[in-house]
Protein backbone atom coordinates (compact mmCIF):
# COMPACT_ATOMS: atom_id res chain seq x y z
CA MET A 1 4.50 -5.03 -1.13
CA PRO A 2 4.36 -2.25 1.45
CA GLU A 3 5.75 1.06 0.26
CA THR A 4 8.76 2.30 2.23
CA PRO A 5 10.66 5.58 1.72
CA GLU A 6 13.93 3.77 1.22
CA ALA A 7 16.25 6.76 1.13
CA ILE A 8 15.55 7.87 4.70
CA TYR A 9 15.11 4.36 6.10
CA GLN A 10 18.48 3.38 4.69
CA ARG A 11 20.07 6.29 6.62
CA PRO A 12 19.08 5.61 10.24
CA SER A 13 21.15 8.49 11.62
CA ASP A 14 19.14 10.96 9.51
CA TYR A 15 15.95 9.28 10.67
CA ASP A 16 17.07 10.01 14.23
CA LEU A 17 17.49 13.67 13.30
CA GLU A 18 13.89 13.74 12.07
CA HIS A 19 12.74 12.66 15.52
CA VAL A 20 14.96 14.79 17.77
CA GLY A 21 12.89 15.59 20.85
CA ASP A 22 10.01 13.29 19.90
CA THR A 23 9.04 11.60 23.15
CA ASP A 24 5.25 12.04 23.35
CA ASP A 25 4.50 8.75 21.60
CA ILE A 26 7.08 6.91 23.71
CA GLU A 27 5.55 8.24 26.91
CA PHE A 28 2.08 7.24 25.69
CA PHE A 29 3.05 3.65 24.96
CA VAL A 30 5.07 3.25 28.16
CA SER A 31 2.09 4.53 30.15
CA LEU A 32 -0.31 2.27 28.23
CA LEU A 33 1.77 -0.83 28.92
CA GLY A 34 2.00 0.17 32.56
CA ARG A 35 -1.79 0.02 32.73
CA LEU A 36 -2.18 -3.18 30.70
CA LYS A 37 0.56 -5.07 32.59
CA PRO A 38 1.53 -7.49 29.79
CA GLN A 39 4.07 -10.30 29.86
CA ARG A 40 5.06 -10.11 26.18
CA VAL A 41 4.91 -7.10 23.83
CA LEU A 42 5.53 -6.95 20.07
CA GLU A 43 6.28 -3.76 18.16
CA LEU A 44 5.60 -4.08 14.44
CA ALA A 45 7.81 -2.04 12.08
CA CYS A 46 10.09 -1.06 14.96
CA GLY A 47 12.52 0.87 12.76
CA ASN A 48 15.74 1.86 14.49
CA GLY A 49 14.38 1.14 17.95
CA ARG A 50 13.46 4.72 18.83
CA VAL A 51 10.32 3.48 20.62
CA THR A 52 11.33 -0.15 21.10
CA VAL A 53 14.27 0.39 23.42
CA PRO A 54 12.38 2.68 25.82
CA LEU A 55 9.65 0.02 25.90
CA ALA A 56 12.31 -2.53 26.83
CA GLU A 57 13.58 -0.22 29.57
CA ALA A 58 10.01 -0.09 30.89
CA GLY A 59 9.84 -3.87 30.58
CA ALA A 60 12.96 -4.19 32.72
CA ARG A 61 11.26 -2.14 35.44
CA GLU A 62 7.81 -3.70 35.19
CA GLY A 63 8.54 -7.28 34.18
CA PHE A 64 7.61 -7.73 30.53
CA ASP A 65 9.57 -8.76 27.42
CA VAL A 66 9.63 -6.85 24.13
CA VAL A 67 10.14 -8.08 20.57
CA GLY A 68 10.80 -5.60 17.76
CA LEU A 69 10.01 -6.65 14.19
CA GLU A 70 11.53 -4.73 11.27
CA LEU A 71 11.68 -5.31 7.51
CA VAL A 72 14.49 -2.89 6.49
CA PRO A 73 17.96 -4.33 7.28
CA GLU A 74 19.59 -0.92 7.83
CA MET A 75 16.99 0.07 10.39
CA LEU A 76 17.20 -3.28 12.13
CA GLU A 77 20.97 -2.94 12.42
CA ALA A 78 20.52 0.53 13.92
CA ALA A 79 18.04 -0.94 16.41
CA ARG A 80 20.61 -3.55 17.42
CA LYS A 81 23.17 -0.81 18.07
CA ARG A 82 20.62 1.10 20.13
CA GLN A 83 19.93 -2.08 22.09
CA GLU A 84 23.64 -2.38 22.88
CA GLU A 85 23.56 1.12 24.39
CA ALA A 86 20.59 0.29 26.64
CA SER A 87 20.84 -0.90 30.22
CA SER A 88 21.81 -4.53 30.69
CA ALA A 89 18.35 -5.28 32.09
CA ALA A 90 16.67 -3.78 29.01
CA GLN A 91 19.00 -5.69 26.68
CA GLU A 92 17.89 -8.92 28.30
CA ARG A 93 14.23 -7.99 27.90
CA LEU A 94 14.52 -7.09 24.19
CA SER A 95 14.67 -9.34 21.13
CA LEU A 96 14.86 -8.04 17.55
CA ALA A 97 13.76 -9.91 14.44
CA GLU A 98 13.69 -9.25 10.71
CA GLY A 99 10.28 -9.83 9.21
CA ASP A 100 7.17 -8.58 7.43
CA MET A 101 4.22 -7.36 9.48
CA ARG A 102 1.83 -9.06 7.04
CA THR A 103 3.19 -12.58 7.36
CA TRP A 104 5.42 -12.98 10.42
CA LYS A 105 4.56 -15.73 12.89
CA ALA A 106 5.93 -15.79 16.44
CA GLU A 107 6.80 -18.96 18.32
CA GLN A 108 4.91 -17.60 21.34
CA PRO A 109 1.90 -15.25 21.25
CA PHE A 110 1.82 -11.77 22.77
CA ASP A 111 -0.39 -9.91 25.21
CA VAL A 112 0.01 -6.59 23.38
CA ILE A 113 1.08 -5.63 19.85
CA VAL A 114 1.80 -1.98 19.05
CA THR A 115 2.43 -0.13 15.80
CA PRO A 116 3.56 3.46 16.46
CA CYS A 117 4.50 6.31 14.14
CA SER A 118 2.01 5.71 11.28
CA SER A 119 3.94 2.64 10.14
CA VAL A 120 0.79 1.03 8.72
CA CYS A 121 0.57 3.91 6.22
CA HIS A 122 3.18 2.07 4.15
CA LEU A 123 0.55 -0.62 3.49
CA LEU A 124 -1.02 0.74 0.32
CA THR A 125 -3.55 -1.92 -0.61
CA LEU A 126 -6.56 -3.21 1.26
CA GLU A 127 -5.13 -6.72 0.89
CA ASP A 128 -1.90 -5.71 2.64
CA GLN A 129 -3.76 -3.86 5.37
CA LEU A 130 -6.05 -6.80 6.10
CA ALA A 131 -3.05 -9.14 6.06
CA ALA A 132 -1.25 -7.03 8.66
CA TRP A 133 -4.28 -6.83 10.94
CA ARG A 134 -4.86 -10.59 10.61
CA CYS A 135 -1.19 -11.25 11.32
CA ALA A 136 -1.47 -9.22 14.52
CA TYR A 137 -4.61 -11.14 15.46
CA GLU A 138 -2.89 -14.50 14.97
CA ASN A 139 0.10 -13.42 17.07
CA LEU A 140 -2.02 -12.35 20.05
CA LEU A 141 -3.30 -14.33 22.99
CA PRO A 142 -7.09 -14.38 23.45
CA GLY A 143 -7.95 -11.07 25.08
CA GLY A 144 -4.74 -9.51 23.75
CA ARG A 145 -4.65 -5.99 22.37
CA PHE A 146 -3.51 -4.49 19.07
CA VAL A 147 -2.75 -0.76 19.27
CA VAL A 148 -2.32 1.22 16.04
CA ASP A 149 -1.15 4.84 15.92
CA VAL A 150 -1.60 6.88 12.72
CA THR A 151 -1.71 10.58 11.90
CA MET A 152 -5.12 12.13 11.30
CA PRO A 153 -5.66 13.21 7.68
CA ASP A 154 -4.65 16.83 7.13
CA GLN A 155 -7.40 18.08 4.85
CA GLY A 156 -5.79 21.49 4.54
CA ALA A 157 -2.60 19.94 3.23
CA TYR A 158 -4.55 18.03 0.59
CA ALA A 159 -6.92 20.81 -0.50
CA ASP A 160 -4.90 22.00 -3.48
CA SER A 161 -4.94 18.49 -4.93
CA PHE A 162 -8.65 18.92 -5.62
CA ARG A 163 -8.14 21.98 -7.81
CA SER A 164 -8.08 21.79 -11.57
CA PRO A 165 -5.30 21.47 -12.46
CA ALA A 166 -4.15 19.92 -9.20
CA ARG A 167 -1.44 21.79 -7.30
CA GLU A 168 1.07 20.40 -4.89
CA LEU A 169 1.64 21.88 -1.46
CA VAL A 170 5.29 22.62 -0.66
CA GLU A 171 6.27 23.41 2.90
CA VAL A 172 9.18 23.40 5.31
CA ASP A 173 7.78 20.91 7.80
CA LEU A 174 10.87 20.12 9.89
CA ASP A 175 13.88 22.04 11.17
CA THR A 176 15.79 20.25 13.90
CA PHE A 177 19.18 20.54 15.58
CA ASP A 178 20.98 17.76 17.42
CA GLU A 179 23.25 19.15 20.12
CA ALA A 180 25.22 15.92 20.48
CA THR A 181 26.36 15.83 16.86
CA GLN A 182 26.01 19.57 16.11
CA THR A 183 23.87 18.65 13.12
CA ARG A 184 20.96 20.59 11.66
CA LEU A 185 18.37 18.96 9.41
CA ILE A 186 15.82 20.90 7.35
CA ARG A 187 13.10 18.93 5.60
CA TYR A 188 10.98 20.27 2.76
CA LYS A 189 7.79 18.35 2.09
CA THR A 190 5.80 18.19 -1.13
CA THR A 191 2.44 16.46 -0.90
CA ARG A 192 -0.07 15.55 -3.56
CA TYR A 193 -3.22 13.77 -2.48
CA LEU A 194 -4.55 11.15 -4.89
CA ALA A 195 -8.19 11.16 -3.82
CA HIS A 196 -9.31 8.25 -6.00
CA GLU A 197 -6.66 6.03 -4.37
CA GLN A 198 -6.88 7.56 -0.86
CA ARG A 199 -3.15 7.99 -1.03
CA ALA A 200 -0.64 10.80 -0.51
CA SER A 201 2.30 11.06 -2.89
CA ILE A 202 5.07 12.61 -0.83
CA ARG A 203 8.55 13.93 -1.57
CA PHE A 204 10.91 14.82 1.25
CA LEU A 205 13.93 16.95 0.35
CA TYR A 206 16.54 17.08 3.13
CA ASP A 207 19.30 19.61 3.71
CA LYS A 208 21.77 18.50 6.39
CA PHE A 209 24.41 20.78 7.89
CA VAL A 210 27.21 19.29 9.99
CA ALA A 211 29.72 21.69 11.59
CA ASP A 212 32.09 22.96 8.87
CA ALA A 213 31.35 20.19 6.36
CA PRO A 214 29.64 21.00 3.06
CA PRO A 215 25.84 20.74 3.20
CA GLU A 216 24.33 17.42 2.15
CA ARG A 217 21.10 17.16 0.16
CA SER A 218 18.99 14.04 -0.31
CA ILE A 219 15.52 13.17 -1.55
CA SER A 220 13.03 10.53 -0.46
CA ASP A 221 9.95 9.78 -2.58
CA PHE A 222 7.19 7.53 -1.33
CA GLN A 223 3.46 7.03 -1.15
CA SER A 224 1.43 6.81 2.03
CA HIS A 225 -2.06 5.46 2.55
CA VAL A 226 -4.42 7.98 4.16
CA TYR A 227 -6.57 6.36 6.83
CA TYR A 228 -9.85 7.71 8.17
CA PRO A 229 -11.42 6.88 11.55
CA ARG A 230 -14.29 4.70 10.29
CA GLU A 231 -11.89 2.85 8.00
CA MET A 232 -9.70 2.09 11.00
CA GLN A 233 -12.68 0.74 12.90
CA LEU A 234 -13.67 -1.45 9.96
CA LEU A 235 -10.17 -2.92 9.67
CA PHE A 236 -10.34 -4.02 13.29
CA MET A 237 -13.88 -5.34 12.97
CA GLN A 238 -13.22 -7.23 9.74
CA THR A 239 -10.26 -9.07 11.26
CA GLY A 240 -11.95 -10.28 14.43
CA PHE A 241 -11.13 -7.48 16.86
CA GLU A 242 -13.47 -5.57 19.09
CA VAL A 243 -12.58 -1.87 19.16
CA GLU A 244 -12.03 -1.21 22.85
CA THR A 245 -11.12 2.46 22.74
CA PHE A 246 -9.57 5.16 20.58
CA TYR A 247 -7.79 8.42 21.28
CA GLY A 248 -7.03 11.62 19.42
CA ASP A 249 -3.56 12.31 20.78
CA TYR A 250 -0.80 11.01 23.03
CA ARG A 251 -2.52 12.45 26.11
CA SER A 252 -5.39 10.01 25.61
CA ARG A 253 -7.87 12.77 24.82
CA PRO A 254 -11.01 11.91 22.81
CA LEU A 255 -10.81 11.75 19.03
CA GLY A 256 -12.19 14.95 17.52
CA PRO A 257 -12.09 17.08 14.35
CA ASN A 258 -8.81 18.76 15.33
CA SER A 259 -7.05 15.71 16.74
CA PRO A 260 -3.50 15.20 15.46
CA GLN A 261 -3.55 11.40 15.86
CA MET A 262 -5.83 8.38 15.67
CA ILE A 263 -4.82 5.74 18.20
CA PHE A 264 -7.03 2.66 18.11
CA CYS A 265 -6.95 -0.25 20.53
CA GLY A 266 -8.59 -3.49 19.45
CA VAL A 267 -9.09 -6.58 21.61
CA LYS A 268 -8.86 -10.13 20.29
CA SER A 269 -12.00 -12.09 21.13
CA ARG A 270 -11.48 -14.62 23.90
């Protein structure tokens, strides 16, 4: 089973707070779809629709349909609410479905499948990863594209895990404020890298402050697979894709040693 940090994914409003002001990835995918000119687009692990609904708005302008697939019921319900707040044209272009990215089968294939926001990092085993890539392949038309966005490994963040005894890195990695709800969220992150499993064991501790209400504290523990560039290429190659291109950030700059992201685009053989 894929590993999901249930605490935060079961609180979609807090998930929104984590992504206040995050638009770079949305702009990247909207621009990408504008260039590819698809008819049908699938977003795997669409969460609460943060990226999905803007894609549907783009689809309303440019003439393509969007399907969002999500496994966690709370997130899917939040995506449905976000859909209701979208323009009527975007609502018509968007369909949401509950399902698993490793096994889901669409009635009609897609031109483009996207997986933003490091969602594939919740796939901890090679078997699950290959299953997800194969599932994407089977749901694409010949010549269709599968675009996967993951964070580049942060070697500095993992360095202490190689000491003896291993030490965990603790940092304040997020401090956001939502003007609309007058809510502040501070996130403390503890990371331990398990080198032999190529996995990061992560704890998020959240402090939320809402107006005059007492502060709220919550914890989310989960594990995340750490991908490397050649591994990403191999996953595409082993599942029938040709790697068309890859980028190092949301501005489509080349992948390099200091790149924050790895964004790979694979093409299904015709």
